[in-house]
Amino acid sequence: MAHDLSPCANLDDDGLLRRRMLGLALASPLAVVSGTAAAGNVPPRADSPRVGVDPLFVRNGLTQRWQAAMGRDLGWQAQWQAAATAEVLSQLEAGQVDAGLFLSTPQADDLDRQGLIYYRQTIATAPVSLLGPPDDVAGIRGEKDPARALRQVLLAAQAGAANWVQPPAGSPMAGLMTQLLAGNAPQLDKHPKPARDNSPAYELVPRPAQQAGDRRKIWLQDERLQLQAQVACSFRSRHPGSKLLVTWLGWPVAQAAFRQVPGNWQGRPSNPAAGRRP
């Protein structure tokens, strides 16, 4: 029996999609056998989609957990290719990968508007912390507004009173700063004064990327300080498994991984109908 998994197929019917996935799994050499799942380290099948993935999803074991679950639920496993978000999006644009897992950024918005990526979904959020030295050298103690706190840190760094780690241009964190400071960014000199000492630098860091040995103080955490974890398909590739993967990442079996790894990932609100067996 043929399984229509083309990008044009109607995958909104959860029951129909589940039956298609179950049929694909039973026809696969990676299918469940005698109630036990295929081994998590089984190599991807030739028809498994190539998926670019930001290292933030790899570091804390998310992709590893998904890989094991895919073998059981889909009958195949994604071919992960780790790369920074900007590179993942460039690969999607060129059709070098079939799907991509990346962090929210204006670059993704541009590709979406141009129709070069499609079926873009937000599958979770990654909280972001403003870290800095234990001493309040930037004068932000008690500040609750992320935009005002960032502005004060930037001004302190400009005056040489604090160190600041500027996110790379075009990065998800740079995009978050632009969004927060829209219309209120300080006018800074091109050549700020050097910091007076070697005190730890202020920096915006996704909580899933925070290092256990980092001794800097968390100065601010706020619901406005977050990056979205997103997934999309490549228009130039149109691999039949890529749209299925995007749908699957919103299902409870995939969403559960966010609660099982460190980093305070916030998955999508649970949908009781999603992934329900017919």
Protein backbone atom coordinates (compact mmCIF):
# COMPACT_ATOMS: atom_id res chain seq x y z
CA MET A 1 0.00 0.00 0.00
CA ALA A 2 1.43 3.40 -0.96
CA HIS A 3 1.65 6.09 1.66
CA ASP A 4 1.06 9.65 0.46
CA LEU A 5 3.47 11.70 2.53
CA SER A 6 4.11 14.44 -0.01
CA PRO A 7 4.28 18.05 1.18
CA CYS A 8 0.84 18.59 -0.39
CA ALA A 9 -0.74 15.76 1.55
CA ASN A 10 -3.38 16.66 4.16
CA LEU A 11 -1.59 16.00 7.44
CA ASP A 12 -4.01 17.96 9.64
CA ASP A 13 -6.11 14.90 10.45
CA ASP A 14 -4.30 13.43 13.46
CA GLY A 15 -5.94 10.03 13.10
CA LEU A 16 -5.07 9.77 9.41
CA LEU A 17 -1.52 10.92 10.05
CA ARG A 18 -1.09 8.40 12.87
CA ARG A 19 -2.28 5.56 10.64
CA ARG A 20 0.13 6.62 7.90
CA MET A 21 3.00 6.80 10.35
CA LEU A 22 2.10 3.40 11.81
CA GLY A 23 1.97 1.86 8.34
CA LEU A 24 5.34 3.38 7.47
CA ALA A 25 6.84 2.04 10.70
CA LEU A 26 5.51 -1.49 10.16
CA ALA A 27 6.94 -1.52 6.65
CA SER A 28 10.33 -0.36 7.87
CA PRO A 29 13.31 -2.47 8.94
CA LEU A 30 13.50 -0.20 12.01
CA ALA A 31 9.97 -1.06 13.11
CA VAL A 32 9.04 -2.23 16.58
CA VAL A 33 9.66 -5.95 17.00
CA SER A 34 8.00 -8.01 19.75
CA GLY A 35 7.18 -4.86 21.74
CA THR A 36 10.76 -3.53 21.83
CA ALA A 37 11.96 -0.52 19.86
CA ALA A 38 14.69 -0.56 17.30
CA ALA A 39 18.10 0.34 18.75
CA GLY A 40 18.62 4.08 19.15
CA ASN A 41 21.93 3.98 17.29
CA VAL A 42 20.56 2.35 14.12
CA PRO A 43 21.93 4.31 11.12
CA PRO A 44 19.40 6.51 9.30
CA ARG A 45 17.64 4.99 6.32
CA ALA A 46 18.37 6.37 2.89
CA ASP A 47 14.96 8.09 2.82
CA SER A 48 15.41 9.77 6.22
CA PRO A 49 15.41 13.59 5.93
CA ARG A 50 18.60 15.60 6.37
CA VAL A 51 17.97 18.00 9.24
CA GLY A 52 20.18 20.98 10.07
CA VAL A 53 20.14 21.65 13.81
CA ASP A 54 21.51 24.42 16.00
CA PRO A 55 23.97 23.02 18.59
CA LEU A 56 21.71 24.29 21.40
CA PHE A 57 19.41 21.34 20.62
CA VAL A 58 22.32 18.90 20.67
CA ARG A 59 24.23 20.00 23.77
CA ASN A 60 21.76 18.86 26.41
CA GLY A 61 20.64 15.65 24.73
CA LEU A 62 17.44 16.73 22.96
CA THR A 63 18.35 15.29 19.56
CA GLN A 64 19.53 12.06 21.18
CA ARG A 65 16.17 11.59 22.90
CA TRP A 66 14.31 12.42 19.69
CA GLN A 67 16.44 9.96 17.74
CA ALA A 68 15.44 7.07 19.98
CA ALA A 69 11.76 8.07 19.88
CA MET A 70 11.77 8.41 16.07
CA GLY A 71 12.95 4.84 15.66
CA ARG A 72 9.93 3.69 17.63
CA ASP A 73 7.31 6.12 16.37
CA LEU A 74 8.28 6.85 12.76
CA GLY A 75 10.36 3.87 11.74
CA TRP A 76 13.22 6.12 10.64
CA GLN A 77 15.66 8.56 12.23
CA ALA A 78 16.63 12.04 11.09
CA GLN A 79 20.10 12.64 9.72
CA TRP A 80 21.18 15.48 12.04
CA GLN A 81 23.73 18.03 10.78
CA ALA A 82 24.82 20.42 13.55
CA ALA A 83 25.40 24.05 12.55
CA ALA A 84 24.73 27.51 13.95
CA THR A 85 21.27 28.93 13.28
CA ALA A 86 22.48 31.28 10.51
CA GLU A 87 24.11 28.38 8.68
CA VAL A 88 21.08 26.11 9.14
CA LEU A 89 18.89 28.78 7.55
CA SER A 90 21.33 29.25 4.67
CA GLN A 91 21.30 25.49 4.09
CA LEU A 92 17.49 25.51 4.09
CA GLU A 93 17.47 28.35 1.58
CA ALA A 94 19.82 26.44 -0.75
CA GLY A 95 18.02 23.11 -0.31
CA GLN A 96 21.14 21.50 1.21
CA VAL A 97 19.02 20.13 4.08
CA ASP A 98 15.40 19.02 4.00
CA ALA A 99 14.37 20.54 7.33
CA GLY A 100 16.00 22.73 9.95
CA LEU A 101 15.82 23.25 13.71
CA PHE A 102 16.91 26.77 14.58
CA LEU A 103 16.37 29.70 16.94
CA SER A 104 14.12 32.64 16.14
CA THR A 105 15.92 35.30 14.13
CA PRO A 106 15.09 37.98 11.53
CA GLN A 107 16.86 35.80 8.94
CA ALA A 108 14.15 33.15 9.38
CA ASP A 109 11.47 35.84 9.02
CA ASP A 110 13.00 36.99 5.73
CA LEU A 111 13.16 33.46 4.28
CA ASP A 112 9.58 32.83 5.37
CA ARG A 113 8.36 35.99 3.63
CA GLN A 114 10.20 34.97 0.45
CA GLY A 115 8.64 31.51 0.52
CA LEU A 116 12.04 29.79 0.72
CA ILE A 117 11.04 27.93 3.87
CA TYR A 118 7.58 26.62 4.64
CA TYR A 119 5.56 24.87 7.34
CA ARG A 120 7.49 26.87 9.94
CA GLN A 121 6.48 26.00 13.49
CA THR A 122 7.49 27.11 16.98
CA ILE A 123 7.95 23.99 19.08
CA ALA A 124 9.33 25.49 22.33
CA THR A 125 10.94 28.55 23.90
CA ALA A 126 14.39 28.86 25.44
CA PRO A 127 14.52 31.30 28.38
CA VAL A 128 17.39 33.80 28.31
CA SER A 129 19.26 35.20 31.33
CA LEU A 130 21.20 38.43 31.68
CA LEU A 131 24.41 37.34 33.41
CA GLY A 132 27.03 39.63 34.87
CA PRO A 133 29.58 40.22 37.62
CA PRO A 134 28.55 39.77 41.26
CA ASP A 135 29.00 43.51 41.87
CA ASP A 136 26.41 45.86 40.40
CA VAL A 137 28.91 47.78 38.27
CA ALA A 138 26.26 48.68 35.66
CA GLY A 139 23.74 49.97 38.22
CA ILE A 140 20.85 47.66 37.28
CA ARG A 141 19.98 46.31 40.73
CA GLY A 142 16.20 46.15 41.07
CA GLU A 143 15.59 46.83 37.37
CA LYS A 144 12.72 44.70 36.04
CA ASP A 145 12.46 45.94 32.46
CA PRO A 146 14.85 44.06 30.09
CA ALA A 147 15.14 46.98 27.66
CA ARG A 148 16.12 49.46 30.37
CA ALA A 149 18.55 46.98 31.94
CA LEU A 150 20.24 46.31 28.58
CA ARG A 151 20.45 50.01 27.81
CA GLN A 152 22.12 50.67 31.16
CA VAL A 153 24.61 47.82 30.66
CA LEU A 154 25.53 49.11 27.21
CA LEU A 155 26.04 52.63 28.53
CA ALA A 156 28.20 51.28 31.37
CA ALA A 157 30.29 49.30 28.89
CA GLN A 158 30.62 52.40 26.68
CA ALA A 159 31.92 54.38 29.66
CA GLY A 160 34.42 51.66 30.57
CA ALA A 161 32.67 50.80 33.82
CA ALA A 162 31.67 47.28 32.74
CA ASN A 163 32.54 44.53 30.30
CA TRP A 164 29.93 43.39 27.79
CA VAL A 165 29.83 40.47 25.35
CA GLN A 166 28.25 41.76 22.14
CA PRO A 167 26.35 38.99 20.31
CA PRO A 168 27.48 38.38 16.71
CA ALA A 169 25.64 40.40 14.08
CA GLY A 170 22.75 38.46 12.61
CA SER A 171 22.67 35.94 15.46
CA PRO A 172 19.44 35.04 17.28
CA MET A 173 20.65 36.92 20.36
CA ALA A 174 21.40 40.04 18.31
CA GLY A 175 17.89 39.79 16.89
CA LEU A 176 16.45 39.56 20.41
CA MET A 177 18.39 42.67 21.47
CA THR A 178 17.14 44.59 18.44
CA GLN A 179 13.60 43.58 19.27
CA LEU A 180 13.93 44.60 22.92
CA LEU A 181 15.68 47.92 22.23
CA ALA A 182 13.56 48.94 19.23
CA GLY A 183 13.32 52.71 19.25
CA ASN A 184 15.27 52.98 22.49
CA ALA A 185 18.79 51.80 21.67
CA PRO A 186 21.52 54.07 23.08
CA GLN A 187 23.69 55.97 20.62
CA LEU A 188 27.12 54.52 21.34
CA ASP A 189 30.55 55.60 20.18
CA LYS A 190 32.30 53.30 17.75
CA HIS A 191 35.24 52.99 20.12
CA PRO A 192 34.11 52.44 23.72
CA LYS A 193 36.52 53.00 26.59
CA PRO A 194 38.33 49.87 27.77
CA ALA A 195 37.00 48.38 31.01
CA ARG A 196 38.90 49.37 34.12
CA ASP A 197 39.41 45.82 35.32
CA ASN A 198 39.00 42.21 34.28
CA SER A 199 35.64 41.74 35.99
CA PRO A 200 33.25 39.18 34.46
CA ALA A 201 31.30 40.46 31.49
CA TYR A 202 27.59 41.04 31.19
CA GLU A 203 26.04 38.76 28.58
CA LEU A 204 22.68 37.50 27.38
CA VAL A 205 22.81 33.70 27.52
CA PRO A 206 20.10 31.12 26.68
CA ARG A 207 19.46 29.09 29.80
CA PRO A 208 20.01 25.77 27.95
CA ALA A 209 23.51 27.04 27.09
CA GLN A 210 24.52 28.18 30.58
CA GLN A 211 27.63 26.40 31.84
CA ALA A 212 27.59 24.76 35.27
CA GLY A 213 30.90 26.42 36.19
CA ASP A 214 29.82 29.95 35.20
CA ARG A 215 30.15 32.04 38.39
CA ARG A 216 28.44 35.13 37.03
CA LYS A 217 25.31 36.40 38.74
CA ILE A 218 21.90 36.13 37.10
CA TRP A 219 20.77 39.76 37.05
CA LEU A 220 17.56 39.42 35.12
CA GLN A 221 15.13 36.76 33.96
CA ASP A 222 11.90 37.83 32.31
CA GLU A 223 9.27 36.38 30.02
CA ARG A 224 10.36 38.90 27.39
CA LEU A 225 13.86 37.41 27.49
CA GLN A 226 13.43 34.29 25.42
CA LEU A 227 14.24 32.74 22.06
CA GLN A 228 11.84 30.55 20.14
CA ALA A 229 12.87 27.06 19.09
CA GLN A 230 11.58 26.70 15.53
CA VAL A 231 11.51 24.11 12.77
CA ALA A 232 10.78 24.52 9.06
CA CYS A 233 11.01 22.69 5.74
CA SER A 234 13.09 23.71 2.75
CA PHE A 235 11.12 24.80 -0.32
CA ARG A 236 13.96 23.75 -2.61
CA SER A 237 14.19 20.25 -1.17
CA ARG A 238 10.56 19.17 -0.60
CA HIS A 239 11.53 15.89 1.07
CA PRO A 240 8.33 13.93 1.91
CA GLY A 241 9.57 13.12 5.43
CA SER A 242 10.36 16.71 6.42
CA LYS A 243 6.77 17.87 6.91
CA LEU A 244 6.03 14.69 8.81
CA LEU A 245 8.98 15.44 11.10
CA VAL A 246 7.70 18.98 11.77
CA THR A 247 4.30 17.59 12.74
CA TRP A 248 5.86 14.91 14.93
CA LEU A 249 7.96 17.45 16.86
CA GLY A 250 4.71 18.98 18.13
CA TRP A 251 3.38 15.68 19.43
CA PRO A 252 3.59 14.69 23.13
CA VAL A 253 6.26 12.03 22.57
CA ALA A 254 8.63 14.64 21.12
CA GLN A 255 7.52 17.47 23.40
CA ALA A 256 8.26 15.33 26.47
CA ALA A 257 11.98 15.58 25.71
CA PHE A 258 11.96 19.28 26.60
CA ARG A 259 10.93 18.39 30.16
CA GLN A 260 13.55 15.65 30.43
CA VAL A 261 16.67 17.71 29.67
CA PRO A 262 18.23 20.64 31.58
CA GLY A 263 17.79 24.21 30.46
CA ASN A 264 14.21 25.07 31.43
CA TRP A 265 12.90 24.64 27.91
CA GLN A 266 9.21 25.48 27.68
CA GLY A 267 7.39 23.20 25.23
CA ARG A 268 4.16 24.01 23.45
CA PRO A 269 0.93 23.79 25.46
CA SER A 270 -0.32 20.21 25.45
CA ASN A 271 -2.95 19.32 22.86
CA PRO A 272 -4.84 16.18 24.00
CA ALA A 273 -5.84 15.38 20.41
CA ALA A 274 -2.30 15.54 19.05
CA GLY A 275 -0.79 12.14 18.54
CA ARG A 276 -3.88 10.29 19.70
CA ARG A 277 -4.06 6.78 18.38
CA PRO A 278 -7.15 6.05 16.24
